[in-house]
Amino acid sequence: MFETLRNALKVKDIRNRFLFTLFVVVITRFGCQFPIPGIDSAKISEYLNSLLGDSFNLLNSFTGGSFESMSLFALNVTPYITASIIIQLLTIAIPALEEMYRDGEDGRKKMNNITRFVTLALSMMESAGLAIGFQRQGLITNFSALTLVEMVACLTAGSVFVMWLGEQITDKGIGNGISIILLINIVSRMPSDIYHLFEKFVLGKQIGDIVIAVAIIAFVIVGTIVLTVILNDAERRIPVQYSRKIQGRNQYSGGQASILPIKVNTANVIPVIFASSLLQFPVVIKQLMGANPKGAAGFIFNCLSQSNWCNPDHWSYSLGLVIYLLLIVMFAYFYTSITFNPIEIANNMKKQGGFIPGIRPGKPTIDYLSTILNYVIFIGAIGLCIVAVIPIFFNGYFGANVSFGGTSIIIVCGVILETIKQVESSMLVRHYSGFLTE
């Protein structure tokens, strides 16, 4: 990896793209520090820390801590991520969007424009909801229609500006703009989390306890990263043979062997995000509204709160963790089913004269692909569950209380690996371009 980066920085064009990306990232981090005019950010931050606890850990990690401080970029990339997921799901449900998606580059540009408008709408709704919720809690003094408009305008403008910065990285930087910003946001929270671990498990402890604590922390972090990398790169390769076709006199085409790769983690981090959002949404609404249910309702909300899972004093609340893992598996199957269609792949393979050795074209190929896909999805879902559970267990059982978890680690590793592949691809294209021009 370091050799690839060192070679890439020797190329002027790639070096300029790196510098441009760094410049945009610095702008993004500065924007995360600027408070909204007329809003007491310290008061809101204190309220969120005292009341919401771990409920906003994932959101705070995605925004690089800007949500907790309620800065200008408090919403950050979260509306765009939500909009992208919504459009991706609607593409399967609405035939017009599906046709637009298959319409080449023009169709994808139209889809991007729709995603931008959905991002704008979500940003306005989320910022309005936050303003009204904070006003009901008495966190905004002298609240008026002008204050509401000001807060909505600032948060919406910040979110749209971050989206634009991400697109600039994609066009003029090293690519994957939104992912790069999300990566930097998550990484920016890690030093404070590591320092918290140092304070809790190392500072003031005996030498023996320090050695054990450091060894366990290093093993958990390194082990989770290694497992995530393996999960991202693992794939099941299905051999495909193409029949030879006659084109003209004594000319043949085809007859080549190929492979059909099926990634083990087909849905990537989407199932974890879906499951976390679904469980945390009722908890967040309850806490913002100031509700305090008792009895069975109170037990249910305690089970839904991730901060209560794996707590040795209340093991019964870990029932929510079981539901969380089941949701990850369910969403892994659901999301893969709408992004990977065995029927379409089998039909395309048949049209091109391809077949899987030992499997007849048509329905037998569809059944074979479906069986393999279900097997692969299950392995990927179990891997996602393991990566997601490890930080939750240590946070709950040992009180580690760090913001980065399995979701964040999957995103960080995935973005880094994808960025390195893009850099290598750019260097390869440049090599062949230079060879052809000589």
Protein backbone atom coordinates (compact mmCIF):
# COMPACT_ATOMS: atom_id res chain seq x y z
CA MET A 1 0.00 0.00 0.00
CA PHE A 2 2.74 2.49 0.98
CA GLU A 3 4.72 1.57 -2.13
CA THR A 4 1.67 2.33 -4.27
CA LEU A 5 1.19 5.74 -2.62
CA ARG A 6 4.87 6.60 -2.95
CA ASN A 7 4.87 5.76 -6.66
CA ALA A 8 1.60 7.64 -7.17
CA LEU A 9 2.96 10.83 -5.62
CA LYS A 10 5.76 10.84 -8.19
CA VAL A 11 3.17 11.42 -10.92
CA LYS A 12 2.30 15.12 -11.23
CA ASP A 13 -1.37 14.65 -12.15
CA ILE A 14 -2.05 12.20 -9.31
CA ARG A 15 -0.06 14.36 -6.89
CA ASN A 16 -2.20 17.38 -7.80
CA ARG A 17 -5.32 15.32 -7.23
CA PHE A 18 -4.05 14.31 -3.79
CA LEU A 19 -3.31 17.94 -2.90
CA PHE A 20 -6.75 19.06 -4.10
CA THR A 21 -8.39 16.32 -2.03
CA LEU A 22 -6.37 17.38 1.02
CA PHE A 23 -7.43 21.01 0.48
CA VAL A 24 -11.13 20.06 0.33
CA VAL A 25 -10.79 17.85 3.41
CA VAL A 26 -9.27 20.76 5.36
CA ILE A 27 -12.21 22.99 4.32
CA THR A 28 -14.63 20.30 5.49
CA ARG A 29 -12.97 19.97 8.88
CA PHE A 30 -12.95 23.77 9.34
CA GLY A 31 -16.67 23.86 8.57
CA CYS A 32 -17.25 21.27 11.28
CA GLN A 33 -15.85 23.71 13.85
CA PHE A 34 -17.92 26.82 13.00
CA PRO A 35 -21.03 27.24 15.23
CA ILE A 36 -24.42 28.22 13.85
CA PRO A 37 -24.95 31.99 14.38
CA GLY A 38 -27.28 32.81 17.25
CA ILE A 39 -27.28 29.26 18.63
CA ASP A 40 -25.71 28.28 21.94
CA SER A 41 -23.76 25.27 20.65
CA ALA A 42 -22.21 24.53 24.05
CA LYS A 43 -25.64 24.28 25.68
CA ILE A 44 -26.96 21.99 22.94
CA SER A 45 -23.81 19.84 23.10
CA GLU A 46 -24.15 19.46 26.87
CA TYR A 47 -27.79 18.45 26.45
CA LEU A 48 -26.98 15.84 23.78
CA ASN A 49 -24.15 14.37 25.85
CA SER A 50 -26.20 14.14 29.04
CA LEU A 51 -29.47 12.89 27.57
CA LEU A 52 -28.72 10.96 24.39
CA GLY A 53 -25.58 9.14 25.48
CA ASP A 54 -24.58 6.44 22.99
CA SER A 55 -27.71 6.83 20.87
CA PHE A 56 -25.92 9.23 18.55
CA ASN A 57 -22.54 7.50 18.48
CA LEU A 58 -22.96 6.33 14.89
CA LEU A 59 -24.31 9.69 13.70
CA ASN A 60 -21.63 11.60 15.60
CA SER A 61 -18.97 9.39 14.06
CA PHE A 62 -20.35 9.95 10.53
CA THR A 63 -20.34 13.72 11.06
CA GLY A 64 -16.90 13.88 12.66
CA GLY A 65 -18.31 15.25 15.93
CA SER A 66 -19.96 18.22 14.20
CA PHE A 67 -23.45 17.03 15.14
CA GLU A 68 -22.58 16.86 18.82
CA SER A 69 -21.30 20.46 18.70
CA MET A 70 -24.17 21.50 16.39
CA SER A 71 -21.83 23.28 14.01
CA LEU A 72 -22.49 24.58 10.49
CA PHE A 73 -21.79 21.11 9.03
CA ALA A 74 -23.81 19.29 11.72
CA LEU A 75 -25.76 17.20 9.17
CA ASN A 76 -22.64 16.65 7.05
CA VAL A 77 -22.96 13.74 4.57
CA THR A 78 -25.78 11.90 6.36
CA PRO A 79 -28.64 13.39 4.25
CA TYR A 80 -26.78 12.47 1.06
CA ILE A 81 -26.14 8.91 2.27
CA THR A 82 -29.81 8.53 3.22
CA ALA A 83 -30.92 9.98 -0.13
CA SER A 84 -28.62 7.62 -2.04
CA ILE A 85 -30.02 4.59 -0.21
CA ILE A 86 -33.60 5.75 -0.81
CA ILE A 87 -33.02 6.28 -4.54
CA GLN A 88 -31.25 2.95 -4.82
CA LEU A 89 -34.20 1.16 -3.24
CA LEU A 90 -36.75 3.08 -5.33
CA THR A 91 -34.84 2.13 -8.48
CA ILE A 92 -36.00 -1.44 -7.98
CA ALA A 93 -39.58 -0.47 -7.06
CA ILE A 94 -40.20 2.17 -9.76
CA PRO A 95 -39.75 0.97 -13.40
CA ALA A 96 -39.09 4.52 -14.68
CA LEU A 97 -36.11 4.91 -12.34
CA GLU A 98 -34.83 1.46 -13.25
CA GLU A 99 -35.00 2.33 -16.95
CA MET A 100 -33.23 5.61 -16.25
CA TYR A 101 -30.50 3.75 -14.34
CA ARG A 102 -29.90 1.44 -17.31
CA ASP A 103 -29.78 4.37 -19.75
CA GLY A 104 -26.01 4.72 -19.63
CA GLU A 105 -24.14 7.85 -18.58
CA ASP A 106 -27.06 10.23 -19.26
CA GLY A 107 -29.33 8.14 -17.06
CA ARG A 108 -26.81 8.14 -14.22
CA LYS A 109 -26.50 11.93 -14.44
CA LYS A 110 -30.28 12.24 -14.12
CA MET A 111 -30.18 9.87 -11.14
CA ASN A 112 -27.49 12.03 -9.52
CA ASN A 113 -29.64 15.13 -9.99
CA ILE A 114 -32.61 13.38 -8.35
CA THR A 115 -30.35 12.33 -5.45
CA ARG A 116 -29.26 15.96 -5.01
CA PHE A 117 -32.85 17.19 -4.78
CA VAL A 118 -33.74 14.42 -2.30
CA THR A 119 -30.68 15.40 -0.25
CA LEU A 120 -31.88 19.01 -0.20
CA ALA A 121 -35.38 17.97 0.93
CA LEU A 122 -34.04 15.66 3.65
CA SER A 123 -31.66 18.36 4.91
CA MET A 124 -34.50 20.86 5.23
CA MET A 125 -36.75 18.37 7.04
CA GLU A 126 -34.02 17.19 9.44
CA SER A 127 -32.86 20.73 10.28
CA ALA A 128 -36.45 21.88 10.86
CA GLY A 129 -37.06 18.88 13.12
CA LEU A 130 -33.91 19.63 15.11
CA ALA A 131 -34.83 23.31 15.52
CA ILE A 132 -38.35 22.49 16.75
CA GLY A 133 -37.07 19.72 19.02
CA PHE A 134 -34.45 21.97 20.64
CA GLN A 135 -37.03 24.73 21.08
CA ARG A 136 -39.37 22.34 22.92
CA GLN A 137 -36.52 21.45 25.28
CA GLY A 138 -35.87 25.13 25.96
CA LEU A 139 -32.39 25.03 24.42
CA ILE A 140 -33.01 27.96 22.07
CA THR A 141 -33.86 31.22 23.79
CA ASN A 142 -35.96 33.88 22.05
CA PHE A 143 -37.16 31.32 19.54
CA SER A 144 -39.05 32.83 16.60
CA ALA A 145 -39.85 32.15 12.96
CA LEU A 146 -36.66 33.98 12.01
CA THR A 147 -34.61 31.71 14.29
CA LEU A 148 -36.21 28.64 12.71
CA VAL A 149 -35.47 29.91 9.19
CA GLU A 150 -31.90 30.79 10.17
CA MET A 151 -31.17 27.36 11.63
CA VAL A 152 -32.80 25.51 8.71
CA ALA A 153 -30.90 27.67 6.19
CA CYS A 154 -27.53 27.17 7.92
CA LEU A 155 -27.82 23.41 8.38
CA THR A 156 -29.25 22.85 4.89
CA ALA A 157 -26.60 25.04 3.25
CA GLY A 158 -23.88 23.20 5.19
CA SER A 159 -25.16 19.80 4.12
CA VAL A 160 -25.51 20.80 0.46
CA PHE A 161 -22.05 22.43 0.51
CA VAL A 162 -20.49 19.22 1.89
CA MET A 163 -22.26 17.28 -0.88
CA TRP A 164 -20.78 19.69 -3.45
CA LEU A 165 -17.31 19.32 -1.92
CA GLY A 166 -17.63 15.55 -2.21
CA GLU A 167 -18.51 15.86 -5.89
CA GLN A 168 -15.47 18.09 -6.44
CA ILE A 169 -13.24 15.40 -4.92
CA THR A 170 -14.81 12.86 -7.27
CA ASP A 171 -14.24 15.07 -10.33
CA LYS A 172 -10.90 16.74 -9.53
CA GLY A 173 -9.51 14.66 -6.67
CA ILE A 174 -8.78 10.99 -6.16
CA GLY A 175 -12.42 9.91 -6.47
CA ASN A 176 -15.11 8.62 -4.09
CA GLY A 177 -15.66 12.14 -2.74
CA ILE A 178 -18.48 11.46 -0.30
CA SER A 179 -16.72 8.33 0.92
CA ILE A 180 -13.47 10.25 1.47
CA ILE A 181 -15.27 12.89 3.56
CA LEU A 182 -17.02 10.16 5.54
CA LEU A 183 -13.67 8.44 6.09
CA ILE A 184 -12.05 11.64 7.40
CA ASN A 185 -15.01 12.29 9.71
CA ILE A 186 -14.73 8.84 11.25
CA VAL A 187 -10.93 8.99 11.57
CA SER A 188 -11.11 12.44 13.19
CA ARG A 189 -13.00 10.91 16.14
CA MET A 190 -10.53 8.08 16.71
CA PRO A 191 -7.79 10.03 18.59
CA SER A 192 -10.26 11.13 21.28
CA ASP A 193 -11.59 7.57 21.52
CA ILE A 194 -8.08 6.16 21.90
CA TYR A 195 -7.31 8.76 24.56
CA HIS A 196 -10.50 7.75 26.39
CA LEU A 197 -9.34 4.12 26.33
CA PHE A 198 -5.95 5.27 27.65
CA GLU A 199 -7.59 7.16 30.54
CA LYS A 200 -9.88 4.27 31.48
CA PHE A 201 -7.60 1.25 31.13
CA VAL A 202 -3.99 2.52 31.28
CA LEU A 203 -3.65 5.76 33.24
CA GLY A 204 -2.88 5.11 36.90
CA LYS A 205 -2.98 1.29 36.58
CA GLN A 206 -0.43 -1.30 37.62
CA ILE A 207 2.17 -2.42 35.06
CA GLY A 208 0.64 -5.88 34.74
CA ASP A 209 -2.84 -4.46 34.18
CA ILE A 210 -1.46 -1.98 31.62
CA VAL A 211 0.23 -4.74 29.61
CA ILE A 212 -2.92 -6.87 29.60
CA ALA A 213 -5.16 -3.91 28.68
CA VAL A 214 -2.91 -2.73 25.84
CA ALA A 215 -2.58 -6.28 24.49
CA ILE A 216 -6.36 -6.82 24.52
CA ILE A 217 -7.10 -3.43 22.93
CA ALA A 218 -4.48 -3.96 20.21
CA PHE A 219 -5.72 -7.50 19.55
CA VAL A 220 -9.35 -6.36 19.25
CA ILE A 221 -8.55 -3.42 16.95
CA VAL A 222 -6.11 -5.29 14.71
CA GLY A 223 -8.26 -8.42 14.65
CA THR A 224 -11.38 -6.45 13.68
CA ILE A 225 -9.51 -4.62 10.92
CA VAL A 226 -8.05 -7.86 9.51
CA LEU A 227 -11.45 -9.54 9.59
CA THR A 228 -13.01 -6.53 7.86
CA VAL A 229 -10.38 -6.52 5.10
CA ILE A 230 -10.89 -10.24 4.51
CA LEU A 231 -14.66 -9.72 4.46
CA ASN A 232 -14.39 -6.89 1.91
CA ASP A 233 -12.07 -8.75 -0.48
CA ALA A 234 -13.49 -12.28 -0.20
CA GLU A 235 -15.48 -13.51 -3.19
CA ARG A 236 -16.86 -16.71 -4.66
CA ARG A 237 -15.68 -17.17 -8.25
CA ILE A 238 -17.97 -19.12 -10.55
CA PRO A 239 -16.32 -20.38 -13.78
CA VAL A 240 -18.10 -19.39 -17.00
CA GLN A 241 -17.34 -20.83 -20.45
CA TYR A 242 -18.30 -19.03 -23.67
CA SER A 243 -19.01 -21.04 -26.81
CA ARG A 244 -17.18 -20.32 -30.05
CA LYS A 245 -19.08 -18.47 -32.80
CA ILE A 246 -18.32 -18.40 -36.50
CA GLN A 247 -17.95 -14.91 -37.96
CA GLY A 248 -17.16 -15.01 -41.66
CA ARG A 249 -14.95 -17.56 -43.34
CA ASN A 250 -12.62 -19.34 -40.93
CA GLN A 251 -13.05 -16.66 -38.26
CA TYR A 252 -14.11 -17.54 -34.76
CA SER A 253 -15.00 -15.49 -31.74
CA GLY A 254 -15.64 -16.48 -28.15
CA GLY A 255 -14.58 -19.79 -26.76
CA GLN A 256 -12.95 -18.13 -23.78
CA ALA A 257 -13.15 -19.07 -20.14
CA SER A 258 -14.09 -16.42 -17.63
CA ILE A 259 -15.29 -16.11 -14.06
CA LEU A 260 -18.35 -14.59 -12.42
CA PRO A 261 -17.20 -13.11 -9.07
CA ILE A 262 -19.75 -12.87 -6.26
CA LYS A 263 -18.53 -10.84 -3.30
CA VAL A 264 -19.06 -12.43 0.09
CA ASN A 265 -20.01 -9.06 1.57
CA THR A 266 -22.30 -8.15 -1.33
CA ALA A 267 -24.27 -5.49 0.56
CA ASN A 268 -21.19 -3.96 2.20
CA VAL A 269 -22.08 -1.86 5.28
CA ILE A 270 -25.69 -1.13 4.23
CA PRO A 271 -27.31 -3.88 6.40
CA VAL A 272 -25.53 -2.59 9.52
CA ILE A 273 -26.63 0.99 8.81
CA PHE A 274 -30.22 -0.11 8.16
CA ALA A 275 -30.37 -2.21 11.33
CA SER A 276 -28.81 0.51 13.50
CA SER A 277 -31.09 3.21 12.11
CA LEU A 278 -34.22 1.10 12.54
CA LEU A 279 -33.45 0.32 16.18
CA GLN A 280 -32.20 3.77 17.16
CA PHE A 281 -34.99 5.78 15.52
CA PRO A 282 -37.62 5.11 18.26
CA VAL A 283 -35.01 5.79 20.99
CA VAL A 284 -33.96 9.10 19.43
CA ILE A 285 -37.58 10.26 19.01
CA LYS A 286 -38.37 9.31 22.62
CA GLN A 287 -35.38 11.20 24.00
CA LEU A 288 -35.92 14.31 21.88
CA MET A 289 -39.58 14.42 22.92
CA GLY A 290 -38.61 14.00 26.56
CA ALA A 291 -40.79 10.91 27.05
CA ASN A 292 -40.05 8.53 29.94
CA PRO A 293 -42.11 5.33 29.52
CA LYS A 294 -42.34 2.81 32.37
CA GLY A 295 -43.05 -0.90 32.67
CA ALA A 296 -42.99 -3.02 29.52
CA ALA A 297 -42.57 0.01 27.24
CA GLY A 298 -39.57 1.17 29.27
CA PHE A 299 -38.00 -2.31 29.03
CA ILE A 300 -38.46 -2.32 25.25
CA PHE A 301 -36.77 1.07 24.88
CA ASN A 302 -33.90 -0.09 27.12
CA CYS A 303 -33.49 -3.11 24.87
CA LEU A 304 -33.40 -0.90 21.77
CA SER A 305 -30.65 1.34 23.20
CA GLN A 306 -27.23 0.11 22.10
CA SER A 307 -25.62 1.56 25.24
CA ASN A 308 -27.43 -1.10 27.33
CA TRP A 309 -26.26 -4.12 25.34
CA CYS A 310 -23.78 -6.57 26.93
CA ASN A 311 -24.10 -4.74 30.24
CA PRO A 312 -23.22 -7.27 32.98
CA ASP A 313 -25.70 -5.59 35.34
CA HIS A 314 -28.63 -5.90 32.90
CA TRP A 315 -28.09 -8.88 30.60
CA SER A 316 -31.81 -8.93 29.73
CA TYR A 317 -31.39 -5.71 27.76
CA SER A 318 -29.10 -7.63 25.37
CA LEU A 319 -32.26 -9.00 23.78
CA GLY A 320 -31.99 -5.90 21.60
CA LEU A 321 -28.59 -7.15 20.39
CA VAL A 322 -30.19 -10.41 19.22
CA ILE A 323 -32.81 -8.42 17.30
CA TYR A 324 -30.03 -6.24 15.88
CA LEU A 325 -28.12 -9.27 14.55
CA LEU A 326 -31.28 -10.78 13.04
CA LEU A 327 -31.97 -7.47 11.29
CA ILE A 328 -28.44 -7.42 9.86
CA VAL A 329 -28.95 -10.88 8.36
CA MET A 330 -32.40 -9.95 7.04
CA PHE A 331 -31.22 -6.70 5.45
CA ALA A 332 -28.19 -8.47 3.94
CA TYR A 333 -30.53 -10.83 2.07
CA PHE A 334 -32.97 -8.03 1.23
CA TYR A 335 -30.39 -5.57 -0.14
CA THR A 336 -28.54 -8.23 -2.12
CA SER A 337 -31.80 -9.46 -3.65
CA ILE A 338 -32.47 -6.03 -5.15
CA THR A 339 -28.92 -5.43 -6.40
CA PHE A 340 -27.99 -8.91 -7.65
CA ASN A 341 -30.56 -10.60 -9.90
CA PRO A 342 -29.71 -14.23 -10.81
CA ILE A 343 -32.43 -14.30 -13.49
CA GLU A 344 -30.99 -11.28 -15.30
CA ILE A 345 -27.42 -12.59 -15.03
CA ALA A 346 -28.43 -16.04 -16.33
CA ASN A 347 -30.33 -14.50 -19.27
CA ASN A 348 -27.42 -12.21 -20.19
CA MET A 349 -25.03 -15.14 -19.96
CA LYS A 350 -27.28 -17.18 -22.26
CA LYS A 351 -27.53 -14.36 -24.83
CA GLN A 352 -23.75 -14.10 -24.98
CA GLY A 353 -23.34 -17.83 -25.42
CA GLY A 354 -21.98 -18.38 -21.94
CA PHE A 355 -22.69 -21.24 -19.56
CA ILE A 356 -21.47 -22.63 -16.27
CA PRO A 357 -19.63 -25.94 -16.82
CA GLY A 358 -21.85 -28.82 -15.73
CA ILE A 359 -24.97 -26.59 -15.46
CA ARG A 360 -27.49 -26.26 -18.28
CA PRO A 361 -28.47 -22.73 -19.39
CA GLY A 362 -31.87 -21.37 -18.36
CA LYS A 363 -33.63 -22.34 -15.15
CA PRO A 364 -30.90 -24.73 -13.89
CA THR A 365 -28.40 -21.85 -14.10
CA ILE A 366 -30.81 -19.54 -12.25
CA ASP A 367 -31.32 -22.15 -9.50
CA TYR A 368 -27.58 -22.75 -9.24
CA LEU A 369 -26.79 -19.02 -8.96
CA SER A 370 -29.57 -18.54 -6.38
CA THR A 371 -28.23 -21.40 -4.24
CA ILE A 372 -24.67 -20.08 -4.38
CA LEU A 373 -25.87 -16.53 -3.68
CA ASN A 374 -27.86 -17.55 -0.61
CA TYR A 375 -24.87 -19.47 0.75
CA VAL A 376 -22.49 -16.55 0.12
CA ILE A 377 -24.90 -13.97 1.61
CA PHE A 378 -25.20 -16.02 4.80
CA ILE A 379 -21.42 -16.15 5.23
CA GLY A 380 -21.15 -12.41 4.58
CA ALA A 381 -23.97 -11.63 7.02
CA ILE A 382 -22.33 -13.72 9.74
CA GLY A 383 -19.07 -11.87 9.12
CA LEU A 384 -20.87 -8.53 9.38
CA CYS A 385 -22.46 -9.66 12.65
CA ILE A 386 -19.07 -10.60 14.12
CA VAL A 387 -17.49 -7.28 13.11
CA ALA A 388 -20.47 -5.35 14.48
CA VAL A 389 -20.65 -7.27 17.79
CA ILE A 390 -16.98 -7.03 18.82
CA PRO A 391 -16.98 -3.26 19.61
CA ILE A 392 -20.48 -3.47 21.12
CA PHE A 393 -19.39 -6.24 23.50
CA PHE A 394 -16.31 -4.36 24.72
CA ASN A 395 -18.25 -1.10 25.03
CA GLY A 396 -20.97 -2.75 27.08
CA TYR A 397 -19.00 -5.25 29.17
CA PHE A 398 -15.88 -3.18 29.86
CA GLY A 399 -17.39 0.30 29.49
CA ALA A 400 -14.98 1.27 26.70
CA ASN A 401 -17.48 3.85 25.36
CA VAL A 402 -15.88 4.67 21.99
CA SER A 403 -17.71 6.19 19.04
CA PHE A 404 -16.18 4.01 16.33
CA GLY A 405 -17.67 0.56 16.00
CA GLY A 406 -18.03 -2.21 13.46
CA THR A 407 -19.87 0.06 11.02
CA SER A 408 -17.14 2.69 11.12
CA ILE A 409 -14.34 0.14 10.73
CA ILE A 410 -16.05 -1.46 7.72
CA ILE A 411 -16.43 1.95 6.08
CA VAL A 412 -12.83 3.00 6.80
CA CYS A 413 -11.32 -0.23 5.47
CA GLY A 414 -13.63 -0.30 2.44
CA VAL A 415 -12.91 3.31 1.44
CA ILE A 416 -9.14 2.94 1.88
CA LEU A 417 -9.02 -0.26 -0.19
CA GLU A 418 -11.24 1.21 -2.92
CA THR A 419 -9.18 4.43 -3.07
CA ILE A 420 -5.93 2.47 -3.39
CA LYS A 421 -7.46 0.43 -6.24
CA GLN A 422 -8.50 3.64 -8.01
CA VAL A 423 -5.00 5.10 -7.64
CA GLU A 424 -3.48 1.90 -9.03
CA SER A 425 -5.96 2.01 -11.92
CA SER A 426 -5.04 5.64 -12.67
CA MET A 427 -1.34 4.76 -12.69
CA LEU A 428 -2.00 1.80 -15.01
CA VAL A 429 -3.99 3.94 -17.45
CA ARG A 430 -1.26 6.58 -17.43
CA HIS A 431 1.37 3.90 -18.09
CA TYR A 432 -0.45 2.60 -21.17
CA SER A 433 -1.27 6.13 -22.38
CA GLY A 434 2.40 7.09 -22.16
CA PHE A 435 3.40 3.88 -23.94
CA LEU A 436 0.99 4.56 -26.83
CA THR A 437 2.11 8.18 -27.29
CA GLU A 438 5.78 7.30 -27.52
